[in-house]
Protein backbone atom coordinates (compact mmCIF):
# COMPACT_ATOMS: atom_id res chain seq x y z
CA MET A 1 164.82 194.04 229.02
CA PRO A 2 161.18 194.78 230.47
CA LEU A 3 158.44 193.00 229.27
CA LEU A 4 156.20 195.36 226.12
CA GLN A 5 152.48 194.86 226.18
CA MET A 6 151.57 195.36 223.12
CA LYS A 7 148.21 196.21 221.21
CA GLU A 8 147.74 195.11 217.48
CA ILE A 9 146.50 198.19 215.02
CA TRP A 10 143.83 196.93 212.72
CA THR A 11 144.99 197.75 209.02
CA PRO A 12 143.82 196.59 205.75
CA LEU A 13 146.76 195.39 205.72
CA LYS A 14 146.46 192.70 208.17
CA LEU A 15 144.55 190.43 204.87
CA VAL A 16 147.44 189.71 202.85
CA GLY A 17 150.16 189.08 206.36
CA VAL A 18 151.42 192.20 207.71
CA LYS A 19 149.93 192.90 211.19
CA PHE A 20 151.72 196.44 213.18
CA PHE A 21 152.02 196.28 216.74
CA LYS A 22 152.05 200.04 218.87
CA SER A 23 153.60 199.31 222.08
CA ASP A 24 153.05 201.10 225.89
CA ASP A 25 156.22 203.12 224.97
CA ARG A 26 154.40 204.87 221.45
CA SER A 27 156.79 202.69 218.95
CA ILE A 28 155.23 201.35 216.50
CA PHE A 29 156.06 197.42 215.90
CA ILE A 30 155.28 195.31 212.17
CA LYS A 31 155.08 191.31 211.73
CA VAL A 32 155.22 190.06 208.40
CA MET A 33 154.20 186.70 208.27
CA ASN A 34 155.39 184.06 210.27
CA GLN A 35 158.54 186.21 211.14
CA ARG A 36 158.98 188.30 214.40
CA ARG A 37 158.04 191.20 215.30
CA ARG A 38 160.20 194.14 214.35
CA LYS A 39 161.08 198.19 215.52
CA LEU A 40 159.40 200.65 212.79
CA LYS A 41 162.30 203.04 212.56
CA PHE A 42 161.52 207.02 212.89
């Protein structure tokens, strides 16, 4: 699996532990608290 470069997207949900990331191929990932990153399905 190739390495993905991800950039964190700032949202107000970050204040409660929900983080969003955007990868190089424009996929969106979500991370809730200490869980692993999961790809959002559109």
